[in-house]
Amino acid sequence: MIEKLYVSNFALIDELEVDFGPGLNVLSGETGAGKSIIIGSLNFVLGGKADKDIIKSGCDMTEASVLVYIENEEVKKELEGCDVHIDDDNYILIKRTFNRNGKSSCKINGKTATVSMVKEISSFIVDIHGQHDHQSLLNPKSHIVMLDRLCGDELYKELEKLKSLYGEYKIISKKLKEIDMNDKDIQDKVELYKYQADEIEAAGLKKGEDAELSERRNILINSVRLQENISECLDSLYRGEGSAIENIGNAIYNLESISNIDEEQKKLLESLNDAYSIIEDVVKSVRAYEDSMNNDPEELNEVEERLQTIYDLKNKYGGSVEKVLEHLDKVNEKLNIIENSEALAKEYSEKKKETEGKIRKVCAKISEIRRNTAHMAENKIVNILKDLSMENAVFSIQIKDKEGFDENGIDSVEFLISANKGEKLKPLSKIASGGEMSRVMLALKNILADVDNIDTFVFDEIDTGISGRTAQKVAEKMIGVSKNHQILCITHLPQIAAMADSNYLIEKSSNNGSTKTNIVELSEEKVYNEIARLIGGAQITKATLEAAKEMKIMADKLKEN
């Protein structure tokens, strides 16, 4: 639901901020007051086309933002799929600017976005009727989704079956394709796989071997330096004159003499004896390490060659010993498949045929449900259109078989309309009249009201060429939709204005040679005045005011039912 619209320097608008409520929001005003500018600014911020003419004269840039409350869980998932984060309060803020250099800037929740991104997420939030932007029902791709929602749980159960079967079908088809090769292909594959398997197996790789060899190579390369360090270490600890062992031995001798006289110093003697033992252990370990040293250049060559072999295999098959071994497993699996290809091909072909048969049955059931629902929907829509003074309108939900099937079945769905007697059925996007377009959309929204995830509908020009009883019917249909959705409607009909949950007056004023458009929410008393103006024109009389109050009271009673 759109809760707030902010606009600055847009056409005749200096700056305005308006809060919209749930249900039916009616925008009215005198001809030329700028009603279309309000819808134009909303269309702009939601990703519509922009040119320099929308920028207020004398200004360098226009700006608009819209605060939207998102309640529908499916819409939240769609937006999150578009990488739009919805805060804990379920709000998103869309902001757009446009300057005279033709540069447009968009942000969603403060994060930079492209116009196409804004337009995409807006398609889940708002339908604007009267202009050909943001109209989900004008996109034939959305028609099957709308029809399926009308079909309800009966269809969705079958679609779940189809989804599962279609997943199996794709896996079987993929496996069958892998083994469905001609003789030359098979031979080439076998030779390649065998070569790769033999090469890897001959190497006898072990996990972590390359790391161990690298460490060993480092030791062999530095063996001379290591031996020098070992020799000096042993000289310092044991072999050299004045070594640690010799000096600590002398110290122990002297401490023994001291402790014989002063027994309290025996603890020092014990500590020094421990140190002597530790150094003896270190000397043994260093001497053993010295004995293990190998300066054999052949070993270094062998390590280098082994590392090169491992490097070559890693370079070919995945970058690590683990990846090379994984590749070996895959190659052996493919060889096994090829060796058993004839039997497997027969097995998978039978599975594919069996699964396809099951899919065709489910698709037939799905198609039957869709066609039955489509027939009922067509009748309902035609009846609504008749109420809306489109007596000769014909509405058709065309369902055709497409080539093959997918997880949605075998059906191609498109909504078609013939607005006037003698006209051929044509796509909704071919409707020429804005008023007819809006009434068709209103009829569709009436039957889709309970299943349409889009929360806000904007109707412009919906009252073109209608009055009296038809106007009353249009108002009643709007109320039906507004029970589950927010509607923003520009109108000059008192019947629609009287049905509003919130009324807004769009007015134009001139001052010091400049003209500007503004919008204000009307109090209850001013609502009566506006309805009276719509009934009788600019001059509000006592009679028109009484008629306005009566119309409003009757509308409120009708809404309660």
Protein backbone atom coordinates (compact mmCIF):
# COMPACT_ATOMS: atom_id res chain seq x y z
CA MET A 1 0.00 0.00 0.00
CA ILE A 2 1.29 3.45 -0.92
CA GLU A 3 1.33 5.45 2.31
CA LYS A 4 3.17 8.60 1.29
CA LEU A 5 4.07 10.42 -1.93
CA TYR A 6 6.60 13.29 -1.95
CA VAL A 7 7.18 15.40 -5.06
CA SER A 8 9.24 18.52 -5.73
CA ASN A 9 9.81 20.62 -8.86
CA PHE A 10 7.67 18.34 -11.03
CA ALA A 11 5.75 20.11 -13.82
CA LEU A 12 3.53 22.61 -11.93
CA ILE A 13 4.33 21.20 -8.49
CA ASP A 14 6.67 23.22 -6.25
CA GLU A 15 6.62 20.73 -3.40
CA LEU A 16 3.95 18.49 -1.98
CA GLU A 17 3.68 15.59 0.41
CA VAL A 18 0.49 13.55 0.65
CA ASP A 19 -0.50 10.61 2.84
CA PHE A 20 -2.82 8.02 1.31
CA GLY A 21 -4.97 5.62 3.29
CA PRO A 22 -6.31 2.11 2.75
CA GLY A 23 -9.36 1.46 0.61
CA LEU A 24 -10.63 3.94 -1.98
CA ASN A 25 -8.69 7.21 -2.27
CA VAL A 26 -10.40 9.65 -4.65
CA LEU A 27 -8.56 12.58 -6.23
CA SER A 28 -10.72 15.26 -7.82
CA GLY A 29 -10.43 18.86 -8.92
CA GLU A 30 -11.45 21.27 -11.61
CA THR A 31 -10.41 20.69 -15.21
CA GLY A 32 -6.82 21.81 -15.69
CA ALA A 33 -6.02 21.70 -11.98
CA GLY A 34 -3.25 19.18 -12.60
CA LYS A 35 -4.83 15.86 -11.67
CA SER A 36 -2.79 14.03 -14.28
CA ILE A 37 0.37 15.63 -12.91
CA ILE A 38 -0.11 13.79 -9.60
CA ILE A 39 -0.44 10.45 -11.38
CA GLY A 40 2.44 11.46 -13.65
CA SER A 41 4.70 12.05 -10.65
CA LEU A 42 3.73 8.67 -9.20
CA ASN A 43 4.37 7.01 -12.55
CA PHE A 44 7.76 8.77 -12.69
CA VAL A 45 8.97 7.56 -9.30
CA LEU A 46 7.87 4.01 -10.13
CA GLY A 47 10.15 3.84 -13.16
CA GLY A 48 8.11 5.48 -15.92
CA LYS A 49 9.62 7.41 -18.81
CA ALA A 50 11.06 10.85 -18.08
CA ASP A 51 12.06 13.85 -20.16
CA LYS A 52 13.14 17.41 -19.42
CA ASP A 53 9.57 18.71 -19.75
CA ILE A 54 8.62 17.18 -16.38
CA ILE A 55 11.07 19.49 -14.56
CA LYS A 56 9.41 22.64 -13.22
CA SER A 57 10.33 25.76 -15.16
CA GLY A 58 13.35 27.51 -13.64
CA CYS A 59 14.55 24.38 -11.79
CA ASP A 60 17.48 22.10 -12.59
CA MET A 61 16.12 18.87 -11.13
CA THR A 62 12.91 17.13 -10.11
CA GLU A 63 12.57 14.63 -7.28
CA ALA A 64 9.88 12.18 -6.17
CA SER A 65 9.73 9.46 -3.53
CA VAL A 66 7.11 6.97 -2.42
CA LEU A 67 6.81 5.07 0.85
CA VAL A 68 5.19 1.66 0.41
CA TYR A 69 3.93 -0.73 3.07
CA ILE A 70 4.35 -4.39 2.02
CA GLU A 71 2.01 -6.86 3.71
CA ASN A 72 1.61 -9.73 1.21
CA GLU A 73 4.12 -12.53 1.87
CA GLU A 74 4.35 -13.54 -1.79
CA VAL A 75 5.18 -9.96 -2.77
CA LYS A 76 7.87 -9.88 -0.07
CA LYS A 77 9.44 -13.00 -1.58
CA GLU A 78 9.36 -11.47 -5.06
CA LEU A 79 11.03 -8.29 -3.81
CA GLU A 80 13.66 -10.20 -1.85
CA GLY A 81 14.31 -12.14 -5.05
CA CYS A 82 15.07 -8.75 -6.65
CA ASP A 83 17.59 -8.08 -3.83
CA VAL A 84 15.29 -5.58 -2.12
CA HIS A 85 15.59 -5.70 1.67
CA ILE A 86 12.34 -5.07 3.53
CA ASP A 87 12.81 -3.71 7.04
CA ASP A 88 11.13 -5.09 10.14
CA ASP A 89 8.30 -2.55 9.73
CA ASN A 90 7.54 -3.94 6.23
CA TYR A 91 8.31 -0.66 4.44
CA ILE A 92 10.30 0.16 1.36
CA LEU A 93 11.22 3.66 0.16
CA ILE A 94 11.68 4.36 -3.55
CA LYS A 95 13.28 7.65 -4.58
CA ARG A 96 14.04 9.03 -8.04
CA THR A 97 15.59 12.25 -9.34
CA PHE A 98 15.96 13.55 -12.88
CA ASN A 99 17.99 16.59 -14.04
CA ARG A 100 18.10 18.73 -17.15
CA ASN A 101 21.14 16.86 -18.39
CA GLY A 102 18.87 13.83 -18.76
CA LYS A 103 20.48 11.95 -15.88
CA SER A 104 18.17 9.83 -13.74
CA SER A 105 19.08 8.55 -10.27
CA CYS A 106 17.09 5.91 -8.36
CA LYS A 107 17.37 4.53 -4.85
CA ILE A 108 15.50 1.72 -3.10
CA ASN A 109 15.80 1.92 0.68
CA GLY A 110 18.82 4.20 0.21
CA LYS A 111 20.57 1.70 -2.08
CA THR A 112 21.36 2.82 -5.62
CA ALA A 113 19.24 1.11 -8.29
CA THR A 114 18.58 1.36 -12.01
CA VAL A 115 15.31 2.58 -13.53
CA SER A 116 14.66 -0.93 -14.86
CA MET A 117 15.12 -2.36 -11.35
CA VAL A 118 12.61 0.15 -9.96
CA LYS A 119 10.18 -0.66 -12.74
CA GLU A 120 10.53 -4.38 -12.05
CA ILE A 121 9.82 -4.17 -8.32
CA SER A 122 7.03 -1.63 -8.94
CA SER A 123 5.27 -4.22 -11.09
CA PHE A 124 4.75 -6.27 -7.91
CA ILE A 125 3.38 -3.28 -5.99
CA VAL A 126 1.26 -1.01 -8.21
CA ASP A 127 -0.94 -1.25 -11.30
CA ILE A 128 -1.52 2.10 -13.01
CA HIS A 129 -4.48 2.13 -15.41
CA GLY A 130 -5.12 4.87 -17.87
CA GLN A 131 -1.47 4.97 -18.90
CA HIS A 132 0.33 1.96 -20.32
CA ASP A 133 2.86 1.61 -17.53
CA HIS A 134 2.91 -0.83 -14.63
CA GLN A 135 -0.09 -2.74 -15.95
CA SER A 136 0.53 -6.38 -15.09
CA LEU A 137 -2.60 -7.43 -16.97
CA LEU A 138 -1.30 -5.97 -20.23
CA ASN A 139 1.59 -8.42 -20.15
CA PRO A 140 0.43 -11.76 -21.65
CA LYS A 141 3.04 -13.59 -19.55
CA SER A 142 1.09 -12.67 -16.43
CA HIS A 143 -2.25 -13.98 -17.74
CA ILE A 144 -1.58 -17.63 -16.96
CA VAL A 145 -0.55 -16.61 -13.42
CA MET A 146 -3.81 -14.68 -12.95
CA LEU A 147 -5.93 -17.52 -14.32
CA ASP A 148 -4.17 -20.04 -12.10
CA ARG A 149 -4.91 -17.92 -9.05
CA LEU A 150 -8.59 -17.97 -9.99
CA CYS A 151 -8.39 -21.75 -10.31
CA GLY A 152 -7.26 -22.02 -6.68
CA ASP A 153 -6.12 -25.06 -4.69
CA GLU A 154 -7.54 -27.65 -7.09
CA LEU A 155 -5.10 -26.48 -9.75
CA TYR A 156 -2.15 -25.90 -7.42
CA LYS A 157 -2.28 -29.52 -6.23
CA GLU A 158 -1.97 -30.68 -9.83
CA LEU A 159 0.81 -28.16 -10.50
CA GLU A 160 2.76 -29.56 -7.55
CA LYS A 161 2.45 -33.06 -9.06
CA LEU A 162 3.58 -31.70 -12.41
CA LYS A 163 6.55 -29.89 -10.89
CA SER A 164 7.77 -33.10 -9.28
CA LEU A 165 7.27 -35.17 -12.44
CA TYR A 166 8.86 -32.52 -14.64
CA GLY A 167 11.92 -32.47 -12.37
CA GLU A 168 12.26 -36.24 -12.79
CA TYR A 169 11.74 -35.90 -16.53
CA LYS A 170 14.60 -33.38 -16.88
CA ILE A 171 17.00 -35.61 -14.90
CA ILE A 172 16.12 -38.67 -17.02
CA SER A 173 16.44 -36.65 -20.25
CA LYS A 174 19.85 -35.37 -19.20
CA LYS A 175 21.12 -38.87 -18.40
CA LEU A 176 19.71 -40.22 -21.65
CA LYS A 177 21.40 -37.42 -23.60
CA GLU A 178 24.73 -38.26 -21.98
CA ILE A 179 24.61 -41.84 -23.30
CA ASP A 180 22.71 -41.17 -26.53
CA MET A 181 25.77 -40.74 -28.77
CA ASN A 182 26.77 -42.23 -32.15
CA ASP A 183 29.57 -44.83 -32.37
CA LYS A 184 32.32 -42.34 -33.24
CA ASP A 185 31.36 -40.10 -30.31
CA ILE A 186 31.41 -43.06 -27.95
CA GLN A 187 34.83 -44.22 -29.16
CA ASP A 188 36.31 -40.74 -28.85
CA LYS A 189 34.88 -40.38 -25.34
CA VAL A 190 36.15 -43.81 -24.28
CA GLU A 191 39.67 -43.08 -25.51
CA LEU A 192 39.74 -39.71 -23.75
CA TYR A 193 38.35 -41.02 -20.47
CA LYS A 194 40.68 -44.04 -20.46
CA TYR A 195 43.70 -41.85 -21.14
CA GLN A 196 42.76 -39.52 -18.28
CA ALA A 197 42.04 -42.40 -15.89
CA ASP A 198 45.29 -44.21 -16.75
CA GLU A 199 47.31 -41.02 -16.35
CA ILE A 200 45.88 -40.26 -12.91
CA GLU A 201 45.95 -43.85 -11.65
CA ALA A 202 49.56 -44.32 -12.82
CA ALA A 203 50.57 -41.36 -10.69
CA GLY A 204 49.24 -43.06 -7.52
CA LEU A 205 48.34 -39.77 -5.89
CA LYS A 206 47.69 -39.46 -2.18
CA LYS A 207 45.85 -36.61 -0.47
CA GLY A 208 48.30 -34.14 1.08
CA GLU A 209 51.26 -35.67 -0.74
CA ASP A 210 52.22 -32.46 -2.50
CA ALA A 211 52.48 -30.57 0.80
CA GLU A 212 54.70 -33.27 2.32
CA LEU A 213 56.96 -33.32 -0.74
CA SER A 214 57.27 -29.54 -0.76
CA GLU A 215 58.40 -29.66 2.85
CA ARG A 216 60.92 -32.44 2.09
CA ARG A 217 62.29 -30.53 -0.92
CA ASN A 218 62.84 -27.47 1.27
CA ILE A 219 64.89 -29.59 3.70
CA LEU A 220 66.99 -31.19 0.94
CA ILE A 221 67.72 -27.87 -0.73
CA ASN A 222 68.94 -26.45 2.60
CA SER A 223 70.75 -29.62 3.83
CA VAL A 224 74.29 -28.07 3.86
CA ARG A 225 73.14 -25.10 5.86
CA LEU A 226 71.22 -27.39 8.20
CA GLN A 227 74.29 -29.53 8.87
CA GLU A 228 76.34 -26.44 9.65
CA ASN A 229 73.69 -25.28 12.10
CA ILE A 230 73.49 -28.74 13.69
CA SER A 231 77.27 -28.91 14.16
CA GLU A 232 77.41 -25.50 15.78
CA CYS A 233 74.43 -26.40 17.96
CA LEU A 234 76.15 -29.60 19.19
CA ASP A 235 79.39 -27.69 19.80
CA SER A 236 77.54 -25.17 21.94
CA LEU A 237 75.66 -27.83 23.88
CA TYR A 238 78.10 -30.70 24.19
CA ARG A 239 81.22 -31.05 22.03
CA GLY A 240 82.95 -27.68 22.25
CA GLU A 241 85.21 -26.35 24.94
CA GLY A 242 83.13 -24.46 27.47
CA SER A 243 79.93 -26.15 26.23
CA ALA A 244 76.63 -25.87 28.08
CA ILE A 245 76.96 -29.42 29.45
CA GLU A 246 80.48 -28.74 30.74
CA ASN A 247 79.53 -25.42 32.36
CA ILE A 248 76.35 -26.75 33.95
CA GLY A 249 78.34 -29.80 35.26
CA ASN A 250 80.80 -27.45 36.96
CA ALA A 251 77.93 -25.48 38.42
CA ILE A 252 76.32 -28.67 39.77
CA TYR A 253 79.62 -29.65 41.42
CA ASN A 254 79.81 -26.29 43.20
CA LEU A 255 76.13 -26.34 44.21
CA GLU A 256 76.59 -29.79 45.74
CA SER A 257 79.33 -28.36 47.96
CA ILE A 258 77.09 -25.42 48.87
CA SER A 259 74.06 -27.61 49.67
CA ASN A 260 76.18 -29.84 51.90
CA ILE A 261 76.78 -26.77 54.02
CA ASP A 262 73.46 -24.96 53.44
CA GLU A 263 70.70 -27.51 52.95
CA GLU A 264 68.22 -24.82 51.92
CA GLN A 265 70.06 -24.57 48.55
CA LYS A 266 69.27 -28.16 47.59
CA LYS A 267 66.23 -26.93 45.62
CA LEU A 268 68.58 -24.95 43.38
CA LEU A 269 70.66 -28.07 42.89
CA GLU A 270 67.56 -30.06 41.90
CA SER A 271 66.57 -27.42 39.33
CA LEU A 272 70.04 -27.39 37.84
CA ASN A 273 70.08 -31.19 37.63
CA ASP A 274 66.75 -31.00 35.74
CA ALA A 275 68.23 -28.48 33.31
CA TYR A 276 71.22 -30.79 32.79
CA SER A 277 68.89 -33.70 31.96
CA ILE A 278 66.88 -31.55 29.53
CA ILE A 279 70.03 -30.49 27.67
CA GLU A 280 71.16 -34.14 27.51
CA ASP A 281 67.81 -35.05 25.87
CA VAL A 282 68.14 -32.16 23.40
CA VAL A 283 71.67 -33.30 22.52
CA LYS A 284 70.43 -36.85 21.83
CA SER A 285 67.64 -35.54 19.57
CA VAL A 286 69.96 -33.19 17.65
CA ARG A 287 72.51 -35.98 17.14
CA ALA A 288 69.77 -38.27 15.87
CA TYR A 289 68.62 -35.53 13.49
CA GLU A 290 72.26 -35.14 12.34
CA ASP A 291 72.48 -38.86 11.62
CA SER A 292 69.25 -38.70 9.59
CA MET A 293 70.49 -35.94 7.30
CA ASN A 294 70.83 -37.07 3.69
CA ASN A 295 72.76 -35.08 1.10
CA ASP A 296 71.95 -37.50 -1.68
CA PRO A 297 71.24 -35.31 -4.79
CA GLU A 298 69.28 -38.21 -6.31
CA GLU A 299 66.59 -37.90 -3.66
CA LEU A 300 66.20 -34.19 -4.43
CA ASN A 301 65.83 -35.01 -8.13
CA GLU A 302 63.22 -37.65 -7.34
CA VAL A 303 61.23 -35.20 -5.17
CA GLU A 304 61.41 -32.51 -7.87
CA GLU A 305 60.21 -34.95 -10.53
CA ARG A 306 57.35 -36.15 -8.32
CA LEU A 307 56.26 -32.59 -7.58
CA GLN A 308 56.33 -31.76 -11.29
CA THR A 309 54.14 -34.78 -12.04
CA ILE A 310 51.65 -33.68 -9.38
CA TYR A 311 51.75 -30.07 -10.64
CA ASP A 312 51.01 -31.19 -14.20
CA LEU A 313 48.03 -33.27 -13.06
CA LYS A 314 46.68 -30.45 -10.89
CA ASN A 315 47.04 -28.04 -13.79
CA LYS A 316 45.05 -30.40 -16.04
CA TYR A 317 42.35 -31.64 -13.71
CA GLY A 318 41.38 -29.10 -11.08
CA GLY A 319 44.09 -27.26 -9.17
CA SER A 320 44.51 -29.61 -6.20
CA VAL A 321 45.24 -33.28 -5.52
CA GLU A 322 41.72 -33.65 -4.12
CA LYS A 323 40.20 -32.23 -7.33
CA VAL A 324 42.36 -34.55 -9.47
CA LEU A 325 41.11 -37.57 -7.51
CA GLU A 326 37.51 -36.32 -7.84
CA HIS A 327 38.02 -36.06 -11.60
CA LEU A 328 39.24 -39.66 -11.64
CA ASP A 329 36.03 -40.77 -9.93
CA LYS A 330 33.90 -38.87 -12.46
CA VAL A 331 35.83 -40.31 -15.42
CA ASN A 332 35.44 -43.84 -14.11
CA GLU A 333 31.72 -43.22 -13.61
CA LYS A 334 31.37 -42.01 -17.19
CA LEU A 335 33.30 -45.01 -18.48
CA ASN A 336 30.96 -47.25 -16.54
CA ILE A 337 27.94 -45.51 -18.07
CA ILE A 338 29.34 -45.87 -21.58
CA GLU A 339 30.24 -49.52 -21.07
CA ASN A 340 26.64 -50.12 -19.99
CA SER A 341 25.15 -47.54 -22.38
CA GLU A 342 22.92 -49.91 -24.32
CA ALA A 343 21.24 -51.27 -21.21
CA LEU A 344 21.07 -47.83 -19.61
CA ALA A 345 19.68 -46.22 -22.76
CA LYS A 346 16.89 -48.78 -22.83
CA GLU A 347 16.20 -48.28 -19.12
CA TYR A 348 16.13 -44.47 -19.33
CA SER A 349 14.07 -44.47 -22.52
CA GLU A 350 11.41 -46.56 -20.80
CA LYS A 351 11.52 -44.29 -17.73
CA LYS A 352 11.25 -41.21 -19.93
CA LYS A 353 8.28 -42.60 -21.82
CA GLU A 354 6.57 -43.63 -18.59
CA THR A 355 7.20 -40.23 -16.94
CA GLU A 356 6.04 -38.36 -20.04
CA GLY A 357 2.81 -40.35 -20.00
CA LYS A 358 2.21 -39.33 -16.37
CA ILE A 359 3.02 -35.70 -17.24
CA ARG A 360 0.57 -35.69 -20.14
CA LYS A 361 -2.22 -36.94 -17.87
CA VAL A 362 -1.53 -34.26 -15.26
CA CYS A 363 -1.26 -31.59 -18.00
CA ALA A 364 -4.64 -32.66 -19.36
CA LYS A 365 -6.17 -32.32 -15.90
CA ILE A 366 -4.55 -28.90 -15.44
CA SER A 367 -5.79 -27.75 -18.83
CA GLU A 368 -9.32 -28.93 -18.02
CA ILE A 369 -9.34 -26.97 -14.74
CA ARG A 370 -8.04 -23.86 -16.50
CA ARG A 371 -10.59 -24.06 -19.31
CA ASN A 372 -13.50 -24.53 -16.91
CA THR A 373 -12.37 -21.61 -14.75
CA ALA A 374 -11.71 -19.46 -17.84
CA HIS A 375 -15.26 -20.03 -19.11
CA MET A 376 -16.76 -18.92 -15.77
CA ALA A 377 -14.42 -15.92 -15.58
CA GLU A 378 -15.33 -14.82 -19.12
CA ASN A 379 -19.04 -14.74 -18.26
CA LYS A 380 -18.43 -12.80 -15.05
CA ILE A 381 -16.25 -10.22 -16.76
CA VAL A 382 -18.69 -9.70 -19.64
CA ASN A 383 -21.54 -9.15 -17.14
CA ILE A 384 -19.46 -6.60 -15.24
CA LEU A 385 -18.55 -4.81 -18.48
CA LYS A 386 -22.23 -4.57 -19.37
CA ASP A 387 -22.84 -2.91 -16.00
CA LEU A 388 -20.07 -0.47 -16.92
CA SER A 389 -21.77 0.62 -20.19
CA MET A 390 -19.77 -1.70 -22.42
CA GLU A 391 -22.85 -3.64 -23.51
CA ASN A 392 -21.29 -5.06 -26.65
CA ALA A 393 -17.97 -6.07 -25.13
CA VAL A 394 -16.75 -9.64 -25.58
CA PHE A 395 -14.02 -10.98 -23.32
CA SER A 396 -12.15 -14.19 -24.05
CA ILE A 397 -9.49 -16.12 -22.19
CA GLN A 398 -7.69 -17.86 -25.03
CA ILE A 399 -6.02 -21.14 -24.07
CA LYS A 400 -3.87 -22.83 -26.69
CA ASP A 401 -1.61 -25.86 -26.63
CA LYS A 402 2.03 -24.84 -26.86
CA GLU A 403 4.82 -26.94 -28.27
CA GLY A 404 5.85 -29.51 -25.70
CA PHE A 405 5.30 -28.96 -21.98
CA ASP A 406 7.05 -27.42 -19.01
CA GLU A 407 6.39 -27.15 -15.29
CA ASN A 408 3.31 -24.98 -16.05
CA GLY A 409 1.79 -27.58 -18.35
CA ILE A 410 0.94 -27.43 -22.05
CA ASP A 411 -1.17 -24.25 -22.00
CA SER A 412 -0.51 -20.82 -23.44
CA VAL A 413 -2.94 -18.26 -21.98
CA GLU A 414 -3.85 -14.78 -23.22
CA PHE A 415 -6.72 -12.41 -22.38
CA LEU A 416 -8.48 -10.97 -25.45
CA ILE A 417 -11.13 -8.25 -25.76
CA SER A 418 -13.57 -6.91 -28.31
CA ALA A 419 -14.75 -3.61 -26.84
CA ASN A 420 -17.34 -2.78 -29.48
CA LYS A 421 -19.79 -4.59 -31.72
CA GLY A 422 -18.23 -5.92 -34.90
CA GLU A 423 -14.65 -5.68 -33.64
CA LYS A 424 -12.42 -8.73 -33.68
CA LEU A 425 -10.97 -10.07 -30.47
CA LYS A 426 -7.58 -8.50 -29.81
CA PRO A 427 -4.99 -8.32 -26.99
CA LEU A 428 -5.77 -6.01 -24.06
CA SER A 429 -2.83 -3.79 -25.00
CA LYS A 430 -4.63 -2.90 -28.27
CA ILE A 431 -7.52 -1.13 -26.51
CA ALA A 432 -7.40 2.44 -27.80
CA SER A 433 -9.64 4.27 -25.31
CA GLY A 434 -8.24 5.08 -21.89
CA GLY A 435 -11.75 4.95 -20.42
CA GLU A 436 -12.44 1.52 -21.93
CA MET A 437 -9.07 0.29 -20.79
CA SER A 438 -9.72 1.36 -17.22
CA ARG A 439 -13.18 -0.23 -17.17
CA VAL A 440 -11.86 -3.52 -18.53
CA MET A 441 -9.17 -3.44 -15.86
CA LEU A 442 -11.76 -2.67 -13.19
CA ALA A 443 -13.81 -5.67 -14.32
CA LEU A 444 -10.75 -7.91 -14.21
CA LYS A 445 -9.74 -6.58 -10.81
CA ASN A 446 -13.21 -7.34 -9.48
CA ILE A 447 -12.98 -11.04 -10.20
CA LEU A 448 -9.28 -11.15 -9.28
CA ALA A 449 -9.69 -9.07 -6.11
CA ASP A 450 -9.29 -12.02 -3.75
CA VAL A 451 -6.28 -13.54 -5.52
CA ASP A 452 -4.33 -10.56 -6.94
CA ASN A 453 -1.13 -9.95 -4.96
CA ILE A 454 -0.71 -6.38 -6.21
CA ASP A 455 -1.94 -4.19 -3.40
CA THR A 456 -2.42 -0.78 -5.06
CA PHE A 457 -4.39 0.07 -8.20
CA VAL A 458 -4.35 3.52 -9.77
CA PHE A 459 -7.25 4.43 -12.08
CA ASP A 460 -7.08 7.45 -14.37
CA GLU A 461 -9.70 8.27 -17.03
CA ILE A 462 -11.94 5.48 -15.77
CA ASP A 463 -15.02 7.73 -15.91
CA THR A 464 -14.50 8.95 -19.46
CA GLY A 465 -17.84 9.06 -21.30
CA ILE A 466 -20.02 7.70 -18.48
CA SER A 467 -22.55 9.16 -16.08
CA GLY A 468 -25.73 8.34 -14.19
CA ARG A 469 -26.42 4.66 -13.54
CA THR A 470 -23.13 3.52 -15.15
CA ALA A 471 -21.21 5.90 -12.92
CA GLN A 472 -22.92 4.38 -9.90
CA LYS A 473 -22.00 0.88 -11.09
CA VAL A 474 -18.36 1.90 -11.59
CA ALA A 475 -18.32 3.28 -8.05
CA GLU A 476 -19.80 0.07 -6.64
CA LYS A 477 -17.26 -2.08 -8.50
CA MET A 478 -14.47 0.06 -7.09
CA ILE A 479 -15.76 -0.49 -3.59
CA GLY A 480 -15.71 -4.24 -4.24
CA VAL A 481 -12.04 -4.08 -5.17
CA SER A 482 -11.10 -1.63 -2.41
CA LYS A 483 -12.17 -4.07 0.31
CA ASN A 484 -8.96 -6.03 -0.35
CA HIS A 485 -6.81 -3.45 -2.14
CA GLN A 486 -5.86 0.19 -2.05
CA ILE A 487 -7.22 2.28 -4.94
CA LEU A 488 -6.09 5.74 -6.05
CA CYS A 489 -8.65 7.11 -8.48
CA ILE A 490 -8.83 10.41 -10.37
CA THR A 491 -12.45 11.21 -11.16
CA HIS A 492 -14.95 13.92 -12.02
CA LEU A 493 -17.92 11.71 -11.03
CA PRO A 494 -19.74 12.54 -7.76
CA GLN A 495 -20.85 8.91 -7.42
CA ILE A 496 -17.21 7.75 -7.16
CA ALA A 497 -16.21 10.66 -4.93
CA ALA A 498 -19.04 9.80 -2.54
CA MET A 499 -17.78 6.21 -2.20
CA ALA A 500 -14.29 7.29 -1.16
CA ASP A 501 -12.69 6.33 2.13
CA SER A 502 -10.42 9.38 1.70
CA ASN A 503 -10.98 12.39 -0.57
CA TYR A 504 -8.27 14.67 -1.94
CA LEU A 505 -8.68 17.95 -3.79
CA ILE A 506 -6.17 18.88 -6.48
CA GLU A 507 -6.12 22.61 -7.06
CA LYS A 508 -4.11 25.03 -9.16
CA SER A 509 -3.20 28.54 -8.04
CA SER A 510 -1.39 31.47 -9.63
CA ASN A 511 0.82 33.96 -7.83
CA ASN A 512 3.30 36.55 -9.13
CA GLY A 513 3.08 35.19 -12.66
CA SER A 514 3.71 31.54 -11.69
CA THR A 515 1.27 28.64 -11.50
CA LYS A 516 1.46 25.68 -9.17
CA THR A 517 -0.51 22.55 -8.37
CA ASN A 518 -1.19 21.29 -4.86
CA ILE A 519 -3.20 18.50 -3.21
CA VAL A 520 -4.99 18.51 0.14
CA GLU A 521 -6.99 15.88 2.01
CA LEU A 522 -10.56 17.04 2.56
CA SER A 523 -12.39 17.18 5.87
CA GLU A 524 -15.93 15.77 6.06
CA GLU A 525 -17.55 19.16 5.43
CA LYS A 526 -15.29 19.91 2.49
CA VAL A 527 -16.04 16.47 1.04
CA TYR A 528 -19.71 17.52 0.80
CA ASN A 529 -18.67 20.73 -0.95
CA GLU A 530 -16.53 18.83 -3.46
CA ILE A 531 -19.28 16.30 -4.22
CA ALA A 532 -21.70 19.22 -4.65
CA ARG A 533 -19.26 20.88 -7.07
CA LEU A 534 -19.03 17.65 -9.08
CA ILE A 535 -22.83 17.46 -9.18
CA GLY A 536 -23.60 21.02 -10.16
CA GLY A 537 -20.41 22.62 -11.45
CA ALA A 538 -18.56 25.60 -10.05
CA GLN A 539 -21.65 27.14 -8.38
CA ILE A 540 -22.53 25.24 -5.19
CA THR A 541 -26.16 25.76 -4.22
CA LYS A 542 -28.12 24.64 -1.21
CA ALA A 543 -29.81 22.03 -3.41
CA THR A 544 -26.55 20.57 -4.72
CA LEU A 545 -25.10 20.55 -1.21
CA GLU A 546 -28.13 18.64 0.11
CA ALA A 547 -27.86 16.23 -2.83
CA ALA A 548 -24.18 15.73 -2.04
CA LYS A 549 -24.88 14.91 1.60
CA GLU A 550 -27.61 12.47 0.61
CA MET A 551 -25.31 10.81 -1.95
CA LYS A 552 -22.56 10.45 0.66
CA ILE A 553 -24.94 8.96 3.27
CA MET A 554 -26.26 6.44 0.72
CA ALA A 555 -22.72 5.54 -0.33
CA ASP A 556 -21.67 4.93 3.28
CA LYS A 557 -24.67 2.65 3.84
CA LEU A 558 -23.87 0.74 0.67
CA LYS A 559 -20.27 0.25 1.81
CA GLU A 560 -21.44 -1.20 5.12
CA ASN A 561 -23.28 -4.03 3.35
